[in-house]
Amino acid sequence: GDSMRPAYRDGDIILVSPGATIRKGDRVVVKTRDGEVMAKELRRRTAKTIELRSLNPAHPDRTLAVADVEWIARIVWASQ
């Protein structure tokens, strides 16, 4: 999709590192327990929630309960 435009476009290939430390401002891929996969920017992470920001203002920011997240990984490379 286009939620990460202009940084990433539909069809770009990205590599993630599940073992990499994730900090505020990192671009990440998140998979929810419901099977939804999204690329966003980490805004804030607490013991109970993960707040994500879309780079494209046409898409809403998201706040997820940690219990609803299957995995989160930092984006380390993208083909463009």
N, C-alpha and C. Protein backbone atom coordinates (compact mmCIF):
# COMPACT_ATOMS: atom_id res chain seq x y z
N GLY A 1 0.82 -1.19 0.00
CA GLY A 1 0.00 0.00 0.00
C GLY A 1 0.85 1.25 0.00
N ASP A 2 0.22 2.39 0.27
CA ASP A 2 0.95 3.66 0.23
C ASP A 2 1.06 4.35 1.59
N SER A 3 0.88 3.62 2.68
CA SER A 3 0.91 4.25 4.00
C SER A 3 2.29 4.77 4.40
N MET A 4 3.35 4.31 3.73
CA MET A 4 4.70 4.76 4.06
C MET A 4 5.29 5.65 2.97
N ARG A 5 4.45 6.10 2.02
CA ARG A 5 4.95 7.05 1.02
C ARG A 5 5.31 8.34 1.72
N PRO A 6 6.33 9.01 1.39
CA PRO A 6 7.20 8.82 0.25
C PRO A 6 8.41 7.92 0.52
N ALA A 7 8.60 7.44 1.74
CA ALA A 7 9.78 6.64 2.05
C ALA A 7 9.80 5.31 1.30
N TYR A 8 8.66 4.63 1.29
CA TYR A 8 8.56 3.34 0.60
C TYR A 8 7.34 3.35 -0.30
N ARG A 9 7.47 2.68 -1.43
CA ARG A 9 6.37 2.60 -2.38
C ARG A 9 5.88 1.16 -2.46
N ASP A 10 4.65 0.99 -2.89
CA ASP A 10 4.09 -0.34 -3.09
C ASP A 10 5.01 -1.11 -4.04
N GLY A 11 5.43 -2.29 -3.65
CA GLY A 11 6.31 -3.10 -4.46
C GLY A 11 7.77 -3.05 -4.05
N ASP A 12 8.17 -2.06 -3.22
CA ASP A 12 9.54 -2.02 -2.72
C ASP A 12 9.80 -3.28 -1.89
N ILE A 13 11.04 -3.73 -1.90
CA ILE A 13 11.43 -4.87 -1.08
C ILE A 13 12.17 -4.33 0.13
N ILE A 14 11.75 -4.79 1.31
CA ILE A 14 12.41 -4.35 2.54
C ILE A 14 12.94 -5.56 3.29
N LEU A 15 14.04 -5.35 3.99
CA LEU A 15 14.60 -6.37 4.87
C LEU A 15 14.46 -5.89 6.30
N VAL A 16 14.05 -6.81 7.16
CA VAL A 16 13.90 -6.47 8.57
C VAL A 16 14.84 -7.32 9.40
N SER A 17 15.15 -6.84 10.60
CA SER A 17 16.00 -7.57 11.52
C SER A 17 15.23 -7.80 12.82
N PRO A 18 14.68 -9.00 12.99
CA PRO A 18 13.90 -9.27 14.21
C PRO A 18 14.71 -9.15 15.49
N GLY A 19 16.02 -9.35 15.41
CA GLY A 19 16.85 -9.28 16.61
C GLY A 19 17.41 -7.90 16.92
N ALA A 20 17.22 -6.95 16.01
CA ALA A 20 17.77 -5.60 16.21
C ALA A 20 16.98 -4.84 17.28
N THR A 21 17.69 -4.05 18.04
CA THR A 21 17.05 -3.19 19.03
C THR A 21 16.18 -2.17 18.32
N ILE A 22 14.99 -1.94 18.85
CA ILE A 22 14.06 -0.99 18.25
C ILE A 22 13.94 0.22 19.17
N ARG A 23 14.12 1.40 18.57
CA ARG A 23 14.03 2.64 19.33
C ARG A 23 13.01 3.58 18.69
N LYS A 24 12.59 4.54 19.47
CA LYS A 24 11.68 5.57 18.97
C LYS A 24 12.25 6.17 17.69
N GLY A 25 11.39 6.30 16.67
CA GLY A 25 11.81 6.88 15.40
C GLY A 25 12.23 5.85 14.37
N ASP A 26 12.46 4.59 14.78
CA ASP A 26 12.82 3.55 13.83
C ASP A 26 11.64 3.20 12.95
N ARG A 27 11.92 2.83 11.72
CA ARG A 27 10.88 2.30 10.83
C ARG A 27 10.81 0.81 11.07
N VAL A 28 9.60 0.31 11.25
CA VAL A 28 9.40 -1.08 11.65
C VAL A 28 8.30 -1.74 10.82
N VAL A 29 8.32 -3.07 10.85
CA VAL A 29 7.21 -3.87 10.31
C VAL A 29 6.60 -4.58 11.51
N VAL A 30 5.28 -4.54 11.59
CA VAL A 30 4.55 -5.14 12.70
C VAL A 30 3.55 -6.15 12.14
N LYS A 31 3.49 -7.31 12.77
CA LYS A 31 2.45 -8.29 12.42
C LYS A 31 1.59 -8.49 13.65
N THR A 32 0.28 -8.30 13.48
CA THR A 32 -0.65 -8.48 14.59
C THR A 32 -1.07 -9.94 14.69
N ARG A 33 -1.64 -10.30 15.80
CA ARG A 33 -2.12 -11.68 15.99
C ARG A 33 -3.29 -11.99 15.04
N ASP A 34 -3.94 -10.95 14.51
CA ASP A 34 -5.03 -11.13 13.53
C ASP A 34 -4.49 -11.32 12.12
N GLY A 35 -3.16 -11.23 11.93
CA GLY A 35 -2.57 -11.43 10.62
C GLY A 35 -2.31 -10.17 9.82
N GLU A 36 -2.66 -9.01 10.35
CA GLU A 36 -2.40 -7.75 9.65
C GLU A 36 -0.90 -7.44 9.71
N VAL A 37 -0.32 -7.04 8.59
CA VAL A 37 1.09 -6.66 8.53
C VAL A 37 1.16 -5.22 8.08
N MET A 38 1.95 -4.41 8.78
CA MET A 38 2.05 -2.99 8.44
C MET A 38 3.47 -2.48 8.63
N ALA A 39 3.85 -1.53 7.81
CA ALA A 39 5.12 -0.83 7.95
C ALA A 39 4.81 0.57 8.45
N LYS A 40 5.43 0.93 9.56
CA LYS A 40 5.17 2.23 10.20
C LYS A 40 6.46 2.72 10.85
N GLU A 41 6.37 3.87 11.49
CA GLU A 41 7.47 4.40 12.30
C GLU A 41 7.08 4.24 13.77
N LEU A 42 8.01 3.75 14.58
CA LEU A 42 7.73 3.59 16.00
C LEU A 42 7.72 4.96 16.66
N ARG A 43 6.60 5.30 17.21
CA ARG A 43 6.44 6.58 17.90
C ARG A 43 6.74 6.43 19.39
N ARG A 44 6.20 5.35 19.99
CA ARG A 44 6.38 5.13 21.43
C ARG A 44 6.06 3.68 21.74
N ARG A 45 6.79 3.13 22.70
CA ARG A 45 6.56 1.75 23.12
C ARG A 45 6.57 1.72 24.64
N THR A 46 5.48 1.21 25.21
CA THR A 46 5.38 1.06 26.65
C THR A 46 5.18 -0.42 26.96
N ALA A 47 5.01 -0.74 28.22
CA ALA A 47 4.78 -2.13 28.61
C ALA A 47 3.45 -2.65 28.07
N LYS A 48 2.50 -1.74 27.80
CA LYS A 48 1.16 -2.17 27.38
C LYS A 48 0.79 -1.82 25.95
N THR A 49 1.43 -0.80 25.37
CA THR A 49 1.03 -0.35 24.03
C THR A 49 2.22 -0.07 23.13
N ILE A 50 1.95 -0.12 21.84
CA ILE A 50 2.91 0.28 20.81
C ILE A 50 2.21 1.33 19.96
N GLU A 51 2.79 2.53 19.91
CA GLU A 51 2.22 3.61 19.11
C GLU A 51 3.02 3.73 17.82
N LEU A 52 2.31 3.71 16.70
CA LEU A 52 2.94 3.73 15.39
C LEU A 52 2.46 4.93 14.59
N ARG A 53 3.37 5.49 13.79
CA ARG A 53 3.04 6.66 12.98
C ARG A 53 3.18 6.31 11.51
N SER A 54 2.19 6.72 10.73
CA SER A 54 2.26 6.59 9.27
C SER A 54 3.01 7.78 8.72
N LEU A 55 3.90 7.56 7.77
CA LEU A 55 4.60 8.67 7.15
C LEU A 55 3.70 9.42 6.18
N ASN A 56 2.71 8.73 5.63
CA ASN A 56 1.76 9.33 4.71
C ASN A 56 0.60 9.90 5.53
N PRO A 57 0.39 11.21 5.51
CA PRO A 57 -0.67 11.81 6.33
C PRO A 57 -2.08 11.37 5.96
N ALA A 58 -2.24 10.72 4.82
CA ALA A 58 -3.56 10.22 4.42
C ALA A 58 -3.95 8.96 5.20
N HIS A 59 -3.00 8.37 5.91
CA HIS A 59 -3.26 7.17 6.69
C HIS A 59 -3.16 7.48 8.18
N PRO A 60 -4.04 6.90 8.98
CA PRO A 60 -4.04 7.21 10.42
C PRO A 60 -2.87 6.55 11.16
N ASP A 61 -2.46 7.19 12.24
CA ASP A 61 -1.51 6.57 13.15
C ASP A 61 -2.24 5.43 13.85
N ARG A 62 -1.50 4.50 14.42
CA ARG A 62 -2.10 3.35 15.08
C ARG A 62 -1.53 3.17 16.47
N THR A 63 -2.38 2.73 17.39
CA THR A 63 -1.94 2.32 18.72
C THR A 63 -2.44 0.91 18.92
N LEU A 64 -1.50 0.00 19.23
CA LEU A 64 -1.83 -1.41 19.40
C LEU A 64 -1.48 -1.85 20.81
N ALA A 65 -2.27 -2.74 21.35
CA ALA A 65 -1.93 -3.37 22.62
C ALA A 65 -0.79 -4.35 22.35
N VAL A 66 0.20 -4.39 23.23
CA VAL A 66 1.32 -5.32 23.07
C VAL A 66 0.81 -6.75 22.92
N ALA A 67 -0.25 -7.10 23.63
CA ALA A 67 -0.82 -8.45 23.56
C ALA A 67 -1.36 -8.78 22.17
N ASP A 68 -1.66 -7.77 21.36
CA ASP A 68 -2.20 -7.98 20.02
C ASP A 68 -1.12 -8.08 18.95
N VAL A 69 0.15 -7.92 19.34
CA VAL A 69 1.26 -7.92 18.38
C VAL A 69 1.96 -9.28 18.42
N GLU A 70 2.01 -9.92 17.24
CA GLU A 70 2.72 -11.20 17.14
C GLU A 70 4.22 -10.97 17.10
N TRP A 71 4.65 -10.00 16.25
CA TRP A 71 6.06 -9.63 16.21
C TRP A 71 6.23 -8.22 15.65
N ILE A 72 7.40 -7.65 15.98
CA ILE A 72 7.79 -6.34 15.47
C ILE A 72 9.27 -6.43 15.14
N ALA A 73 9.67 -5.86 13.99
CA ALA A 73 11.06 -5.92 13.57
C ALA A 73 11.46 -4.61 12.90
N ARG A 74 12.69 -4.21 13.11
CA ARG A 74 13.20 -2.96 12.54
C ARG A 74 13.56 -3.16 11.07
N ILE A 75 13.20 -2.18 10.25
CA ILE A 75 13.57 -2.18 8.84
C ILE A 75 15.04 -1.76 8.76
N VAL A 76 15.87 -2.59 8.12
CA VAL A 76 17.30 -2.30 8.02
C VAL A 76 17.75 -1.97 6.60
N TRP A 77 16.91 -2.29 5.60
CA TRP A 77 17.29 -2.03 4.21
C TRP A 77 16.04 -2.02 3.35
N ALA A 78 16.07 -1.22 2.30
CA ALA A 78 14.95 -1.20 1.34
C ALA A 78 15.48 -0.98 -0.06
N SER A 79 14.90 -1.69 -1.04
CA SER A 79 15.24 -1.46 -2.44
C SER A 79 14.34 -0.34 -2.96
N GLN A 80 14.93 0.61 -3.66
CA GLN A 80 14.13 1.72 -4.15
C GLN A 80 14.61 2.16 -5.50
